[in-house]
């Protein structure tokens, strides 16, 4: 999970030493970042309970195929057809 990532923990500790705090906010789900560094899959995501029930009810067996619609604007912007 993002909140447990070593870099996030390190940043939180650094801010704490300066008298500040790190706050992370997520909407209905905290998605798992795929090994390709871009895709955010619904399978294995940590959902708010009501959101998870709704997502599972609507997606059913398609859930593992679903990805969060977040785009990076690098290669995907330059060559969108390759990412569709």
N, C-alpha and C. Protein backbone atom coordinates (compact mmCIF):
# COMPACT_ATOMS: atom_id res chain seq x y z
N UNK A 1 0.83 -1.18 0.00
CA UNK A 1 0.00 0.00 0.00
C UNK A 1 0.88 1.25 0.00
N UNK A 2 0.35 2.31 -0.56
CA UNK A 2 1.11 3.55 -0.67
C UNK A 2 1.56 4.04 0.70
N UNK A 3 0.66 4.00 1.67
CA UNK A 3 1.00 4.54 2.99
C UNK A 3 2.12 3.78 3.68
N UNK A 4 2.37 2.54 3.26
CA UNK A 4 3.43 1.72 3.85
C UNK A 4 4.71 1.69 3.02
N UNK A 5 4.71 2.42 1.91
CA UNK A 5 5.89 2.42 1.04
C UNK A 5 7.06 3.06 1.78
N UNK A 6 8.26 2.48 1.67
CA UNK A 6 9.43 3.02 2.39
C UNK A 6 9.69 4.50 2.12
N UNK A 7 9.49 4.96 0.90
CA UNK A 7 9.72 6.37 0.60
C UNK A 7 8.70 7.27 1.30
N UNK A 8 7.47 6.82 1.39
CA UNK A 8 6.44 7.59 2.08
C UNK A 8 6.75 7.63 3.58
N UNK A 9 7.16 6.50 4.13
CA UNK A 9 7.51 6.45 5.56
C UNK A 9 8.70 7.36 5.84
N UNK A 10 9.67 7.35 4.95
CA UNK A 10 10.86 8.20 5.10
C UNK A 10 10.46 9.68 5.04
N UNK A 11 9.59 10.03 4.09
CA UNK A 11 9.12 11.41 3.97
C UNK A 11 8.36 11.83 5.23
N UNK A 12 7.49 10.94 5.72
CA UNK A 12 6.74 11.24 6.94
C UNK A 12 7.67 11.49 8.12
N UNK A 13 8.72 10.68 8.25
CA UNK A 13 9.68 10.86 9.35
C UNK A 13 10.44 12.17 9.20
N UNK A 14 10.82 12.51 7.97
CA UNK A 14 11.53 13.77 7.72
C UNK A 14 10.65 14.97 8.09
N UNK A 15 9.40 14.92 7.70
CA UNK A 15 8.49 16.02 8.03
C UNK A 15 8.25 16.10 9.53
N UNK A 16 8.15 14.95 10.18
CA UNK A 16 7.94 14.92 11.62
C UNK A 16 9.10 15.58 12.36
N UNK A 17 10.31 15.35 11.90
CA UNK A 17 11.49 15.99 12.52
C UNK A 17 11.44 17.51 12.38
N UNK A 18 10.71 17.99 11.37
CA UNK A 18 10.56 19.43 11.15
C UNK A 18 9.32 19.99 11.82
N UNK A 19 8.62 19.14 12.57
CA UNK A 19 7.42 19.57 13.26
C UNK A 19 6.17 19.57 12.38
N UNK A 20 6.24 18.89 11.24
CA UNK A 20 5.10 18.84 10.31
C UNK A 20 4.58 17.40 10.23
N UNK A 21 3.47 17.24 9.57
CA UNK A 21 2.88 15.92 9.39
C UNK A 21 2.56 15.70 7.93
N UNK A 22 2.59 14.45 7.53
CA UNK A 22 2.20 14.05 6.19
C UNK A 22 0.81 13.43 6.26
N UNK A 23 -0.09 13.91 5.42
CA UNK A 23 -1.44 13.37 5.35
C UNK A 23 -1.67 12.87 3.93
N UNK A 24 -2.12 11.64 3.81
CA UNK A 24 -2.47 11.07 2.52
C UNK A 24 -3.98 10.89 2.48
N UNK A 25 -4.59 11.30 1.39
CA UNK A 25 -6.02 11.16 1.24
C UNK A 25 -6.32 10.33 0.00
N UNK A 26 -7.26 9.43 0.14
CA UNK A 26 -7.69 8.59 -0.96
C UNK A 26 -9.20 8.71 -1.07
N UNK A 27 -9.70 8.53 -2.26
CA UNK A 27 -11.15 8.63 -2.46
C UNK A 27 -11.81 7.32 -2.04
N UNK A 28 -12.38 6.60 -2.97
CA UNK A 28 -13.11 5.38 -2.63
C UNK A 28 -12.22 4.16 -2.57
N UNK A 29 -11.00 4.27 -3.11
CA UNK A 29 -10.13 3.10 -3.13
C UNK A 29 -8.67 3.54 -3.21
N UNK A 30 -7.83 2.69 -2.67
CA UNK A 30 -6.39 2.84 -2.82
C UNK A 30 -5.96 1.70 -3.74
N UNK A 31 -5.64 2.05 -4.97
CA UNK A 31 -5.32 1.04 -5.97
C UNK A 31 -3.89 0.56 -5.84
N UNK A 32 -3.65 -0.65 -6.31
CA UNK A 32 -2.30 -1.22 -6.31
C UNK A 32 -1.63 -0.87 -7.63
N UNK A 33 -0.43 -0.34 -7.54
CA UNK A 33 0.33 0.01 -8.73
C UNK A 33 0.94 -1.25 -9.32
N UNK A 34 0.69 -1.47 -10.61
CA UNK A 34 1.21 -2.65 -11.30
C UNK A 34 2.72 -2.52 -11.51
N UNK A 35 3.34 -3.62 -11.83
CA UNK A 35 4.78 -3.65 -12.04
C UNK A 35 5.26 -2.75 -13.16
N UNK A 36 4.36 -2.39 -14.10
CA UNK A 36 4.77 -1.50 -15.19
C UNK A 36 4.85 -0.04 -14.75
N UNK A 37 4.49 0.23 -13.51
CA UNK A 37 4.62 1.59 -12.97
C UNK A 37 3.53 2.54 -13.42
N UNK A 38 2.50 2.06 -14.11
CA UNK A 38 1.47 2.93 -14.63
C UNK A 38 0.06 2.48 -14.26
N UNK A 39 -0.23 1.21 -14.49
CA UNK A 39 -1.59 0.71 -14.32
C UNK A 39 -1.96 0.57 -12.85
N UNK A 40 -3.19 0.98 -12.55
CA UNK A 40 -3.74 0.87 -11.20
C UNK A 40 -4.92 -0.08 -11.27
N UNK A 41 -4.72 -1.30 -10.78
CA UNK A 41 -5.75 -2.32 -10.91
C UNK A 41 -6.76 -2.32 -9.77
N UNK A 42 -7.98 -2.72 -10.10
CA UNK A 42 -9.03 -2.84 -9.09
C UNK A 42 -8.82 -4.08 -8.22
N UNK A 43 -8.28 -5.15 -8.82
CA UNK A 43 -8.02 -6.38 -8.07
C UNK A 43 -6.90 -6.10 -7.06
N UNK A 44 -7.16 -6.37 -5.80
CA UNK A 44 -6.16 -6.12 -4.75
C UNK A 44 -6.19 -4.71 -4.21
N UNK A 45 -7.08 -3.86 -4.74
CA UNK A 45 -7.20 -2.50 -4.22
C UNK A 45 -7.84 -2.53 -2.84
N UNK A 46 -7.57 -1.52 -2.06
CA UNK A 46 -8.18 -1.39 -0.74
C UNK A 46 -9.31 -0.38 -0.85
N UNK A 47 -10.55 -0.85 -0.76
CA UNK A 47 -11.73 -0.02 -0.96
C UNK A 47 -12.38 0.37 0.36
N UNK A 48 -13.07 1.48 0.34
CA UNK A 48 -14.02 1.82 1.39
C UNK A 48 -15.13 0.79 1.24
N UNK A 49 -15.67 0.29 2.33
CA UNK A 49 -16.56 -0.87 2.31
C UNK A 49 -17.77 -0.71 1.37
N UNK A 50 -18.47 0.41 1.44
CA UNK A 50 -19.64 0.61 0.58
C UNK A 50 -19.23 0.70 -0.89
N UNK A 51 -18.12 1.36 -1.15
CA UNK A 51 -17.64 1.48 -2.53
C UNK A 51 -17.26 0.11 -3.08
N UNK A 52 -16.62 -0.70 -2.27
CA UNK A 52 -16.22 -2.04 -2.72
C UNK A 52 -17.45 -2.88 -3.08
N UNK A 53 -18.46 -2.83 -2.24
CA UNK A 53 -19.68 -3.61 -2.51
C UNK A 53 -20.30 -3.16 -3.84
N UNK A 54 -20.35 -1.86 -4.07
CA UNK A 54 -20.94 -1.34 -5.31
C UNK A 54 -20.10 -1.73 -6.52
N UNK A 55 -18.79 -1.59 -6.42
CA UNK A 55 -17.89 -1.92 -7.53
C UNK A 55 -17.99 -3.41 -7.86
N UNK A 56 -17.96 -4.25 -6.85
CA UNK A 56 -18.04 -5.70 -7.09
C UNK A 56 -19.40 -6.09 -7.68
N UNK A 57 -20.46 -5.45 -7.22
CA UNK A 57 -21.80 -5.74 -7.75
C UNK A 57 -21.90 -5.35 -9.22
N UNK A 58 -21.29 -4.24 -9.59
CA UNK A 58 -21.40 -3.76 -10.97
C UNK A 58 -20.43 -4.46 -11.91
N UNK A 59 -19.23 -4.76 -11.43
CA UNK A 59 -18.21 -5.33 -12.32
C UNK A 59 -18.19 -6.85 -12.34
N UNK A 60 -18.60 -7.47 -11.25
CA UNK A 60 -18.61 -8.93 -11.20
C UNK A 60 -17.27 -9.53 -11.60
N UNK A 61 -17.31 -10.49 -12.51
CA UNK A 61 -16.09 -11.20 -12.91
C UNK A 61 -15.16 -10.35 -13.76
N UNK A 62 -15.61 -9.16 -14.19
CA UNK A 62 -14.76 -8.27 -14.98
C UNK A 62 -13.79 -7.48 -14.08
N UNK A 63 -13.99 -7.51 -12.79
CA UNK A 63 -13.18 -6.72 -11.85
C UNK A 63 -11.67 -6.87 -12.07
N UNK A 64 -11.12 -8.08 -12.25
CA UNK A 64 -9.67 -8.18 -12.43
C UNK A 64 -9.15 -7.51 -13.71
N UNK A 65 -10.04 -7.30 -14.68
CA UNK A 65 -9.63 -6.66 -15.93
C UNK A 65 -9.67 -5.13 -15.86
N UNK A 66 -10.38 -4.62 -14.87
CA UNK A 66 -10.60 -3.18 -14.76
C UNK A 66 -9.36 -2.47 -14.24
N UNK A 67 -9.10 -1.27 -14.76
CA UNK A 67 -7.99 -0.44 -14.29
C UNK A 67 -8.53 0.95 -14.00
N UNK A 68 -7.92 1.59 -13.05
CA UNK A 68 -8.30 2.96 -12.72
C UNK A 68 -7.97 3.86 -13.91
N UNK A 69 -8.84 4.81 -14.20
CA UNK A 69 -8.65 5.68 -15.36
C UNK A 69 -7.77 6.88 -15.02
N UNK A 70 -6.55 6.60 -14.66
CA UNK A 70 -5.57 7.65 -14.41
C UNK A 70 -4.52 7.54 -15.50
N UNK A 71 -4.27 8.62 -16.16
CA UNK A 71 -3.30 8.61 -17.27
C UNK A 71 -2.06 9.39 -16.87
N UNK A 72 -0.92 8.88 -17.29
CA UNK A 72 0.27 9.72 -17.20
C UNK A 72 0.38 10.41 -18.56
N UNK A 73 1.04 11.53 -18.62
CA UNK A 73 1.06 12.32 -19.85
C UNK A 73 2.40 12.21 -20.56
N UNK A 74 3.11 11.14 -20.33
CA UNK A 74 4.35 10.87 -21.05
C UNK A 74 4.05 10.18 -22.36
N UNK A 75 4.44 8.93 -22.46
CA UNK A 75 4.27 8.16 -23.69
C UNK A 75 2.79 8.04 -24.05
N UNK A 76 1.93 7.95 -23.07
CA UNK A 76 0.51 7.81 -23.35
C UNK A 76 -0.05 9.03 -24.05
N UNK A 77 0.50 10.20 -23.76
CA UNK A 77 0.05 11.41 -24.42
C UNK A 77 0.58 11.48 -25.85
N UNK A 78 1.80 11.07 -26.03
CA UNK A 78 2.42 11.12 -27.35
C UNK A 78 1.90 10.03 -28.29
N UNK A 79 1.55 8.87 -27.74
CA UNK A 79 1.11 7.72 -28.55
C UNK A 79 -0.12 7.07 -27.93
N UNK A 80 -1.23 7.79 -27.86
CA UNK A 80 -2.39 7.26 -27.14
C UNK A 80 -2.94 5.95 -27.73
N UNK A 81 -2.88 5.79 -29.03
CA UNK A 81 -3.44 4.58 -29.65
C UNK A 81 -2.80 3.32 -29.09
N UNK A 82 -1.53 3.38 -28.76
CA UNK A 82 -0.82 2.21 -28.23
C UNK A 82 -1.30 1.82 -26.84
N UNK A 83 -2.02 2.72 -26.18
CA UNK A 83 -2.45 2.46 -24.80
C UNK A 83 -3.94 2.19 -24.68
N UNK A 84 -4.63 2.13 -25.80
CA UNK A 84 -6.07 1.89 -25.78
C UNK A 84 -6.37 0.42 -25.92
